[in-house]
PDB file of N, CA and C in Angstrom:
ATOM      1  N   MET A   1      11.263  -9.970  -9.251  1.00  0.00           N
ATOM      2  CA  MET A   1      10.261 -10.274  -8.251  1.00  0.00           C
ATOM      3  C   MET A   1       9.150  -9.215  -8.337  1.00  0.00           C
ATOM      4  N   SER A   2       7.911  -9.670  -8.331  1.00  0.00           N
ATOM      5  CA  SER A   2       6.802  -8.725  -8.428  1.00  0.00           C
ATOM      6  C   SER A   2       6.570  -8.021  -7.095  1.00  0.00           C
ATOM      7  N   LYS A   3       5.810  -6.942  -7.133  1.00  0.00           N
ATOM      8  CA  LYS A   3       5.541  -6.194  -5.901  1.00  0.00           C
ATOM      9  C   LYS A   3       4.800  -7.046  -4.885  1.00  0.00           C
ATOM     10  N   THR A   4       3.869  -7.868  -5.363  1.00  0.00           N
ATOM     11  CA  THR A   4       3.116  -8.720  -4.457  1.00  0.00           C
ATOM     12  C   THR A   4       4.053  -9.675  -3.721  1.00  0.00           C
ATOM     13  N   GLU A   5       5.007 -10.245  -4.435  1.00  0.00           N
ATOM     14  CA  GLU A   5       5.969 -11.152  -3.804  1.00  0.00           C
ATOM     15  C   GLU A   5       6.843 -10.399  -2.814  1.00  0.00           C
ATOM     16  N   ASP A   6       7.196  -9.162  -3.143  1.00  0.00           N
ATOM     17  CA  ASP A   6       7.983  -8.343  -2.216  1.00  0.00           C
ATOM     18  C   ASP A   6       7.215  -8.120  -0.922  1.00  0.00           C
ATOM     19  N   PHE A   7       5.916  -7.849  -1.059  1.00  0.00           N
ATOM     20  CA  PHE A   7       5.091  -7.608   0.124  1.00  0.00           C
ATOM     21  C   PHE A   7       4.900  -8.884   0.935  1.00  0.00           C
ATOM     22  N   ARG A   8       4.815 -10.029   0.290  1.00  0.00           N
ATOM     23  CA  ARG A   8       4.560 -11.289   0.996  1.00  0.00           C
ATOM     24  C   ARG A   8       5.698 -11.676   1.944  1.00  0.00           C
ATOM     25  N   VAL A   9       6.925 -11.286   1.625  1.00  0.00           N
ATOM     26  CA  VAL A   9       8.061 -11.665   2.468  1.00  0.00           C
ATOM     27  C   VAL A   9       8.208 -10.749   3.690  1.00  0.00           C
ATOM     28  N   LYS A  10       7.439  -9.662   3.724  1.00  0.00           N
ATOM     29  CA  LYS A  10       7.529  -8.733   4.848  1.00  0.00           C
ATOM     30  C   LYS A  10       6.653  -9.191   6.003  1.00  0.00           C
ATOM     31  N   THR A  11       7.038  -8.754   7.203  1.00  0.00           N
ATOM     32  CA  THR A  11       6.258  -9.083   8.391  1.00  0.00           C
ATOM     33  C   THR A  11       5.034  -8.170   8.464  1.00  0.00           C
ATOM     34  N   ASP A  12       4.114  -8.498   9.364  1.00  0.00           N
ATOM     35  CA  ASP A  12       2.911  -7.683   9.542  1.00  0.00           C
ATOM     36  C   ASP A  12       3.261  -6.260   9.951  1.00  0.00           C
ATOM     37  N   ASP A  13       4.244  -6.109  10.821  1.00  0.00           N
ATOM     38  CA  ASP A  13       4.652  -4.769  11.266  1.00  0.00           C
ATOM     39  C   ASP A  13       5.250  -3.957  10.116  1.00  0.00           C
ATOM     40  N   GLN A  14       6.059  -4.612   9.292  1.00  0.00           N
ATOM     41  CA  GLN A  14       6.649  -3.922   8.156  1.00  0.00           C
ATOM     42  C   GLN A  14       5.574  -3.483   7.164  1.00  0.00           C
ATOM     43  N   LEU A  15       4.578  -4.343   6.956  1.00  0.00           N
ATOM     44  CA  LEU A  15       3.483  -3.996   6.055  1.00  0.00           C
ATOM     45  C   LEU A  15       2.683  -2.814   6.595  1.00  0.00           C
ATOM     46  N   ALA A  16       2.421  -2.814   7.877  1.00  0.00           N
ATOM     47  CA  ALA A  16       1.665  -1.718   8.492  1.00  0.00           C
ATOM     48  C   ALA A  16       2.436  -0.399   8.357  1.00  0.00           C
ATOM     49  N   THR A  17       3.738  -0.457   8.557  1.00  0.00           N
ATOM     50  CA  THR A  17       4.572   0.738   8.417  1.00  0.00           C
ATOM     51  C   THR A  17       4.549   1.239   6.977  1.00  0.00           C
ATOM     52  N   GLN A  18       4.709   0.320   6.035  1.00  0.00           N
ATOM     53  CA  GLN A  18       4.715   0.716   4.632  1.00  0.00           C
ATOM     54  C   GLN A  18       3.349   1.249   4.200  1.00  0.00           C
ATOM     55  N   LEU A  19       2.283   0.672   4.741  1.00  0.00           N
ATOM     56  CA  LEU A  19       0.938   1.150   4.433  1.00  0.00           C
ATOM     57  C   LEU A  19       0.779   2.597   4.898  1.00  0.00           C
ATOM     58  N   GLY A  20       1.266   2.900   6.078  1.00  0.00           N
ATOM     59  CA  GLY A  20       1.215   4.275   6.580  1.00  0.00           C
ATOM     60  C   GLY A  20       1.985   5.234   5.695  1.00  0.00           C
ATOM     61  N   GLU A  21       3.165   4.806   5.250  1.00  0.00           N
ATOM     62  CA  GLU A  21       3.975   5.649   4.364  1.00  0.00           C
ATOM     63  C   GLU A  21       3.268   5.882   3.031  1.00  0.00           C
ATOM     64  N   LEU A  22       2.656   4.831   2.490  1.00  0.00           N
ATOM     65  CA  LEU A  22       1.957   4.966   1.215  1.00  0.00           C
ATOM     66  C   LEU A  22       0.734   5.871   1.339  1.00  0.00           C
ATOM     67  N   LYS A  23       0.017   5.771   2.446  1.00  0.00           N
ATOM     68  CA  LYS A  23      -1.142   6.644   2.649  1.00  0.00           C
ATOM     69  C   LYS A  23      -0.702   8.103   2.762  1.00  0.00           C
ATOM     70  N   ARG A  24       0.421   8.339   3.421  1.00  0.00           N
ATOM     71  CA  ARG A  24       0.954   9.691   3.530  1.00  0.00           C
ATOM     72  C   ARG A  24       1.357  10.209   2.148  1.00  0.00           C
ATOM     73  N   GLU A  25       1.996   9.345   1.361  1.00  0.00           N
ATOM     74  CA  GLU A  25       2.389   9.735   0.007  1.00  0.00           C
ATOM     75  C   GLU A  25       1.160  10.010  -0.854  1.00  0.00           C
ATOM     76  N   GLN A  26       0.128   9.189  -0.695  1.00  0.00           N
ATOM     77  CA  GLN A  26      -1.105   9.388  -1.453  1.00  0.00           C
ATOM     78  C   GLN A  26      -1.718  10.750  -1.118  1.00  0.00           C
ATOM     79  N   PHE A  27      -1.731  11.094   0.155  1.00  0.00           N
ATOM     80  CA  PHE A  27      -2.254  12.396   0.573  1.00  0.00           C
ATOM     81  C   PHE A  27      -1.461  13.525  -0.079  1.00  0.00           C
ATOM     82  N   ASN A  28      -0.130  13.412  -0.029  1.00  0.00           N
ATOM     83  CA  ASN A  28       0.718  14.448  -0.617  1.00  0.00           C
ATOM     84  C   ASN A  28       0.512  14.553  -2.123  1.00  0.00           C
ATOM     85  N   LEU A  29       0.351  13.417  -2.795  1.00  0.00           N
ATOM     86  CA  LEU A  29       0.118  13.440  -4.239  1.00  0.00           C
ATOM     87  C   LEU A  29      -1.216  14.091  -4.574  1.00  0.00           C
ATOM     88  N   ARG A  30      -2.243  13.784  -3.775  1.00  0.00           N
ATOM     89  CA  ARG A  30      -3.549  14.414  -4.005  1.00  0.00           C
ATOM     90  C   ARG A  30      -3.452  15.928  -3.802  1.00  0.00           C
ATOM     91  N   PHE A  31      -2.708  16.324  -2.796  1.00  0.00           N
ATOM     92  CA  PHE A  31      -2.533  17.753  -2.522  1.00  0.00           C
ATOM     93  C   PHE A  31      -1.790  18.427  -3.674  1.00  0.00           C
ATOM     94  N   GLN A  32      -0.743  17.773  -4.176  1.00  0.00           N
ATOM     95  CA  GLN A  32       0.005  18.319  -5.307  1.00  0.00           C
ATOM     96  C   GLN A  32      -0.882  18.425  -6.546  1.00  0.00           C
ATOM     97  N   GLY A  33      -1.732  17.435  -6.741  1.00  0.00           N
ATOM     98  CA  GLY A  33      -2.629  17.471  -7.885  1.00  0.00           C
ATOM     99  C   GLY A  33      -3.619  18.615  -7.793  1.00  0.00           C
ATOM    100  N   ALA A  34      -4.096  18.884  -6.595  1.00  0.00           N
ATOM    101  CA  ALA A  34      -5.065  19.956  -6.396  1.00  0.00           C
ATOM    102  C   ALA A  34      -4.436  21.330  -6.610  1.00  0.00           C
ATOM    103  N   THR A  35      -3.146  21.444  -6.313  1.00  0.00           N
ATOM    104  CA  THR A  35      -2.477  22.731  -6.471  1.00  0.00           C
ATOM    105  C   THR A  35      -1.760  22.854  -7.812  1.00  0.00           C
ATOM    106  N   GLY A  36      -1.854  21.820  -8.649  1.00  0.00           N
ATOM    107  CA  GLY A  36      -1.242  21.875  -9.977  1.00  0.00           C
ATOM    108  C   GLY A  36       0.244  21.645  -9.998  1.00  0.00           C
ATOM    109  N   GLN A  37       0.795  21.021  -8.977  1.00  0.00           N
ATOM    110  CA  GLN A  37       2.239  20.799  -8.893  1.00  0.00           C
ATOM    111  C   GLN A  37       2.637  19.357  -9.136  1.00  0.00           C
ATOM    112  N   LEU A  38       1.697  18.523  -9.535  1.00  0.00           N
ATOM    113  CA  LEU A  38       1.963  17.093  -9.698  1.00  0.00           C
ATOM    114  C   LEU A  38       2.760  16.842 -10.967  1.00  0.00           C
ATOM    115  N   GLU A  39       3.927  16.187 -10.805  1.00  0.00           N
ATOM    116  CA  GLU A  39       4.796  15.925 -11.949  1.00  0.00           C
ATOM    117  C   GLU A  39       4.502  14.577 -12.600  1.00  0.00           C
ATOM    118  N   LYS A  40       4.166  13.568 -11.789  1.00  0.00           N
ATOM    119  CA  LYS A  40       3.910  12.228 -12.310  1.00  0.00           C
ATOM    120  C   LYS A  40       2.499  11.782 -11.930  1.00  0.00           C
ATOM    121  N   PRO A  41       1.516  12.058 -12.748  1.00  0.00           N
ATOM    122  CA  PRO A  41       0.149  11.653 -12.413  1.00  0.00           C
ATOM    123  C   PRO A  41      -0.014  10.139 -12.277  1.00  0.00           C
ATOM    124  N   ALA A  42       0.805   9.369 -12.955  1.00  0.00           N
ATOM    125  CA  ALA A  42       0.702   7.913 -12.890  1.00  0.00           C
ATOM    126  C   ALA A  42       1.096   7.382 -11.515  1.00  0.00           C
ATOM    127  N   ARG A  43       1.841   8.152 -10.765  1.00  0.00           N
ATOM    128  CA  ARG A  43       2.274   7.715  -9.426  1.00  0.00           C
ATOM    129  C   ARG A  43       1.080   7.548  -8.494  1.00  0.00           C
ATOM    130  N   ILE A  44       0.042   8.358  -8.678  1.00  0.00           N
ATOM    131  CA  ILE A  44      -1.166   8.234  -7.848  1.00  0.00           C
ATOM    132  C   ILE A  44      -1.741   6.828  -8.008  1.00  0.00           C
ATOM    133  N   ARG A  45      -1.817   6.367  -9.232  1.00  0.00           N
ATOM    134  CA  ARG A  45      -2.357   5.030  -9.526  1.00  0.00           C
ATOM    135  C   ARG A  45      -1.491   3.933  -8.906  1.00  0.00           C
ATOM    136  N   GLU A  46      -0.176   4.074  -9.038  1.00  0.00           N
ATOM    137  CA  GLU A  46       0.743   3.078  -8.466  1.00  0.00           C
ATOM    138  C   GLU A  46       0.580   2.980  -6.954  1.00  0.00           C
ATOM    139  N   VAL A  47       0.523   4.129  -6.302  1.00  0.00           N
ATOM    140  CA  VAL A  47       0.400   4.160  -4.846  1.00  0.00           C
ATOM    141  C   VAL A  47      -0.924   3.536  -4.416  1.00  0.00           C
ATOM    142  N   ARG A  48      -2.001   3.900  -5.109  1.00  0.00           N
ATOM    143  CA  ARG A  48      -3.321   3.358  -4.771  1.00  0.00           C
ATOM    144  C   ARG A  48      -3.335   1.832  -4.912  1.00  0.00           C
ATOM    145  N   ARG A  49      -2.707   1.332  -5.940  1.00  0.00           N
ATOM    146  CA  ARG A  49      -2.665  -0.121  -6.142  1.00  0.00           C
ATOM    147  C   ARG A  49      -1.776  -0.815  -5.120  1.00  0.00           C
ATOM    148  N   ASP A  50      -0.683  -0.182  -4.739  1.00  0.00           N
ATOM    149  CA  ASP A  50       0.174  -0.762  -3.697  1.00  0.00           C
ATOM    150  C   ASP A  50      -0.572  -0.828  -2.369  1.00  0.00           C
ATOM    151  N   ILE A  51      -1.351   0.213  -2.065  1.00  0.00           N
ATOM    152  CA  ILE A  51      -2.161   0.207  -0.843  1.00  0.00           C
ATOM    153  C   ILE A  51      -3.141  -0.956  -0.891  1.00  0.00           C
ATOM    154  N   ALA A  52      -3.780  -1.159  -2.036  1.00  0.00           N
ATOM    155  CA  ALA A  52      -4.732  -2.261  -2.180  1.00  0.00           C
ATOM    156  C   ALA A  52      -4.041  -3.611  -2.026  1.00  0.00           C
ATOM    157  N   ARG A  53      -2.839  -3.743  -2.574  1.00  0.00           N
ATOM    158  CA  ARG A  53      -2.096  -5.002  -2.438  1.00  0.00           C
ATOM    159  C   ARG A  53      -1.805  -5.311  -0.971  1.00  0.00           C
ATOM    160  N   ILE A  54      -1.365  -4.302  -0.239  1.00  0.00           N
ATOM    161  CA  ILE A  54      -1.036  -4.507   1.170  1.00  0.00           C
ATOM    162  C   ILE A  54      -2.287  -4.856   1.964  1.00  0.00           C
ATOM    163  N   LYS A  55      -3.385  -4.136   1.734  1.00  0.00           N
ATOM    164  CA  LYS A  55      -4.618  -4.416   2.463  1.00  0.00           C
ATOM    165  C   LYS A  55      -5.137  -5.812   2.155  1.00  0.00           C
ATOM    166  N   THR A  56      -5.031  -6.235   0.906  1.00  0.00           N
ATOM    167  CA  THR A  56      -5.456  -7.580   0.535  1.00  0.00           C
ATOM    168  C   THR A  56      -4.615  -8.622   1.259  1.00  0.00           C
ATOM    169  N   LEU A  57      -3.320  -8.422   1.279  1.00  0.00           N
ATOM    170  CA  LEU A  57      -2.423  -9.353   1.961  1.00  0.00           C
ATOM    171  C   LEU A  57      -2.712  -9.396   3.460  1.00  0.00           C
ATOM    172  N   GLN A  58      -2.974  -8.246   4.054  1.00  0.00           N
ATOM    173  CA  GLN A  58      -3.289  -8.213   5.484  1.00  0.00           C
ATOM    174  C   GLN A  58      -4.586  -8.965   5.778  1.00  0.00           C
ATOM    175  N   SER A  59      -5.593  -8.813   4.927  1.00  0.00           N
ATOM    176  CA  SER A  59      -6.852  -9.520   5.167  1.00  0.00           C
ATOM    177  C   SER A  59      -6.687 -11.019   4.938  1.00  0.00           C
ATOM    178  N   GLU A  60      -5.862 -11.416   3.965  1.00  0.00           N
ATOM    179  CA  GLU A  60      -5.581 -12.839   3.751  1.00  0.00           C
ATOM    180  C   GLU A  60      -4.928 -13.437   5.000  1.00  0.00           C
ATOM    181  N   ARG A  61      -3.956 -12.717   5.550  1.00  0.00           N
ATOM    182  CA  ARG A  61      -3.266 -13.215   6.743  1.00  0.00           C
ATOM    183  C   ARG A  61      -4.215 -13.280   7.938  1.00  0.00           C
ATOM    184  N   ALA A  62      -5.089 -12.299   8.069  1.00  0.00           N
ATOM    185  CA  ALA A  62      -6.050 -12.295   9.177  1.00  0.00           C
ATOM    186  C   ALA A  62      -7.027 -13.459   9.042  1.00  0.00           C
ATOM    187  N   ASN A  63      -7.491 -13.729   7.839  1.00  0.00           N
ATOM    188  CA  ASN A  63      -8.410 -14.845   7.621  1.00  0.00           C
ATOM    189  C   ASN A  63      -7.713 -16.176   7.870  1.00  0.00           C
ATOM    190  N   ALA A  64      -6.455 -16.290   7.484  1.00  0.00           N
ATOM    191  CA  ALA A  64      -5.708 -17.516   7.720  1.00  0.00           C
ATOM    192  C   ALA A  64      -5.510 -17.736   9.224  1.00  0.00           C
ATOM    193  N   ALA A  65      -5.285 -16.650   9.948  1.00  0.00           N
ATOM    194  CA  ALA A  65      -5.093 -16.767  11.401  1.00  0.00           C
ATOM    195  C   ALA A  65      -6.395 -17.172  12.081  1.00  0.00           C
ATOM    196  N   LYS A  66      -7.515 -16.666  11.596  1.00  0.00           N
ATOM    197  CA  LYS A  66      -8.821 -17.054  12.166  1.00  0.00           C
ATOM    198  C   LYS A  66      -9.107 -18.527  11.944  1.00  0.00           C
ATOM    199  N   GLN A  67      -8.803 -19.012  10.748  1.00  0.00           N
ATOM    200  CA  GLN A  67      -9.098 -20.402  10.423  1.00  0.00           C
ATOM    201  C   GLN A  67      -8.204 -21.370  11.177  1.00  0.00           C
ATOM    202  N   SER A  68      -6.976 -20.977  11.443  1.00  0.00           N
ATOM    203  CA  SER A  68      -6.058 -21.878  12.157  1.00  0.00           C
ATOM    204  C   SER A  68      -6.294 -21.852  13.664  1.00  0.00           C
ATOM    205  N   ALA A  69      -6.959 -20.830  14.147  1.00  0.00           N
ATOM    206  CA  ALA A  69      -7.187 -20.731  15.592  1.00  0.00           C
ATOM    207  C   ALA A  69      -8.446 -21.446  16.031  1.00  0.00           C
TER     208      ALA A  69
END
C-alpha cells in the first residue's frame, strides 16, 4: 500500500495529529542539519513530501465538503 493510500484511510483528526508530528520531525531534522549531526539527509525530503501529501489530502477533503454542502 502506498503512503497516499495509507493517509486516505485515516480520519481528519489522525491526519492533523500526524501532520503535527511530521512538522516537529522536520524542525528537528533541520536543526540537526544546521549543527552537522544529521545522519540521513534523505529523511528531510521524505518528511517534506509526506507533509505535502497530507496537506493535499486535507484540501481535497475540504473542497469536497464545500461542494456537497
